[in-house]
Protein backbone atom coordinates (compact mmCIF):
# COMPACT_ATOMS: atom_id res chain seq x y z
CA MET A 1 36.78 -8.80 0.69
CA ASP A 2 33.09 -9.27 -0.16
CA THR A 3 30.66 -9.73 2.69
CA PRO A 4 28.64 -12.91 2.15
CA GLN A 5 24.96 -12.40 1.58
CA ALA A 6 22.62 -13.75 4.23
CA GLN A 7 20.88 -16.96 3.20
CA GLN A 8 17.52 -15.93 4.67
CA ILE A 9 15.42 -12.82 4.81
CA PHE A 10 12.91 -12.14 7.56
CA ILE A 11 9.67 -10.43 6.63
CA GLN A 12 8.41 -8.98 9.88
CA GLY A 13 4.74 -8.43 10.73
CA VAL A 14 5.43 -4.77 11.39
CA THR A 15 5.16 -1.93 8.90
CA ARG A 16 8.05 0.48 8.48
CA SER A 17 5.92 3.04 10.36
CA GLY A 18 5.80 0.64 13.36
CA ARG A 19 2.22 -0.64 13.07
CA THR A 20 1.41 -4.32 13.59
CA PHE A 21 0.39 -5.91 10.30
CA ARG A 22 -3.08 -7.45 10.10
CA PRO A 23 -4.69 -9.93 9.82
CA SER A 24 -3.02 -11.75 12.68
CA ASP A 25 -2.61 -14.95 10.62
CA TRP A 26 -0.88 -13.22 7.68
CA ALA A 27 2.34 -15.25 8.11
CA GLU A 28 0.56 -18.59 7.95
CA ARG A 29 -1.49 -17.45 4.95
CA LEU A 30 1.60 -16.30 3.04
CA ALA A 31 3.47 -19.51 3.83
CA GLY A 32 0.40 -21.53 2.86
CA VAL A 33 0.19 -19.87 -0.55
CA LEU A 34 3.83 -20.75 -1.16
CA SER A 35 3.63 -24.32 0.18
CA PRO A 36 3.70 -25.88 -3.33
CA PHE A 37 7.20 -24.46 -3.82
CA HIS A 38 9.07 -27.32 -2.24
CA PRO A 39 12.12 -29.37 -3.25
CA GLN A 40 9.95 -32.49 -3.15
CA ALA A 41 6.91 -30.81 -4.72
CA GLN A 42 6.57 -33.58 -7.27
CA GLN A 43 6.04 -36.14 -4.52
CA GLN A 44 2.43 -36.97 -3.92
CA GLY A 45 0.70 -39.00 -1.29
CA PRO A 46 -1.19 -38.58 1.94
CA GLY A 47 -0.45 -35.27 3.59
CA ALA A 48 1.76 -33.95 0.78
CA HIS A 49 -0.33 -30.77 0.67
CA LEU A 50 -0.18 -30.26 4.44
CA ARG A 51 3.32 -28.89 4.82
CA TYR A 52 4.97 -25.55 4.43
CA SER A 53 7.78 -25.05 1.99
CA PRO A 54 11.16 -25.26 3.76
CA TRP A 55 11.94 -21.99 1.97
CA VAL A 56 8.98 -19.99 3.35
CA VAL A 57 8.37 -20.61 7.04
CA PRO A 58 6.13 -18.68 9.44
CA THR A 59 7.63 -18.08 12.88
CA VAL A 60 7.71 -15.64 15.79
CA VAL A 61 10.88 -13.71 16.59
CA GLY A 62 10.97 -11.52 19.66
CA GLY A 63 7.19 -11.60 19.91
CA VAL A 64 6.74 -10.45 16.28
CA LYS A 65 5.20 -12.70 13.63
CA CYS A 66 7.62 -13.20 10.77
CA VAL A 67 8.09 -15.24 7.64
CA VAL A 68 11.59 -16.55 7.04
CA VAL A 69 12.30 -16.79 3.32
CA ASP A 70 15.33 -18.72 2.13
CA ARG A 71 17.13 -17.44 -0.95
CA ALA A 72 16.95 -20.98 -2.37
CA LEU A 73 13.34 -20.11 -3.30
CA ARG A 74 14.68 -17.62 -5.85
CA ASP A 75 16.82 -20.33 -7.47
CA TYR A 76 13.87 -22.74 -7.52
CA ASP A 77 11.29 -20.31 -8.91
CA GLU A 78 12.04 -16.63 -9.42
CA ARG A 79 8.33 -15.79 -9.80
CA ALA A 80 7.61 -17.15 -6.33
CA TRP A 81 10.50 -15.09 -4.93
CA ASP A 82 9.18 -11.98 -6.70
CA PHE A 83 5.69 -12.67 -5.32
CA VAL A 84 6.82 -12.86 -1.69
CA MET A 85 9.08 -9.80 -2.03
CA ALA A 86 6.27 -7.82 -3.70
CA PHE A 87 3.97 -8.82 -0.82
CA ALA A 88 6.43 -7.34 1.67
CA ARG A 89 6.97 -4.21 -0.40
CA ASP A 90 3.27 -3.62 -1.16
CA ASN A 91 2.38 -3.93 2.53
CA ASP A 92 5.34 -1.77 3.65
CA LEU A 93 6.66 -4.56 5.90
CA VAL A 94 10.09 -4.53 7.50
CA VAL A 95 12.46 -6.91 5.67
CA THR A 96 15.76 -7.89 7.27
CA GLU A 97 18.58 -10.05 5.96
CA ALA A 98 19.68 -12.59 8.54
CA CYS A 99 20.85 -16.14 9.01
CA LEU A 100 19.09 -18.78 11.02
CA LEU A 101 21.39 -20.21 13.63
CA PRO A 102 21.25 -23.87 14.57
CA GLU A 103 19.63 -24.43 17.92
CA ALA A 104 22.14 -24.74 20.72
CA ALA A 105 22.64 -28.25 21.95
CA PRO A 106 21.56 -28.81 25.55
CA LYS A 107 24.41 -28.49 28.00
CA PRO A 108 25.32 -31.68 29.84
CA ARG A 109 24.46 -31.70 33.53
């Protein structure tokens, strides 16, 4: 039986040698560069340029800045996927396959 491939990869703001990656806003910058790669990219209008791609999202996991990259980006534009993966490789960043879990619903009182 084949193990399913994770839908997301996490690029962590830590090098494989354990150093914190700089500058501190690297995740937002990377996500900003990839913001045009969006399923509704053709839509224009007020604020259309002010959103991240749903496929490249900056976040913090366990106190470490990360960028979550969805594999759907590769299907949408392979060059964009190659760019983000080359960024991680060239900067020796830790890359982990994982799946985002839906947030747990609040428990009733």
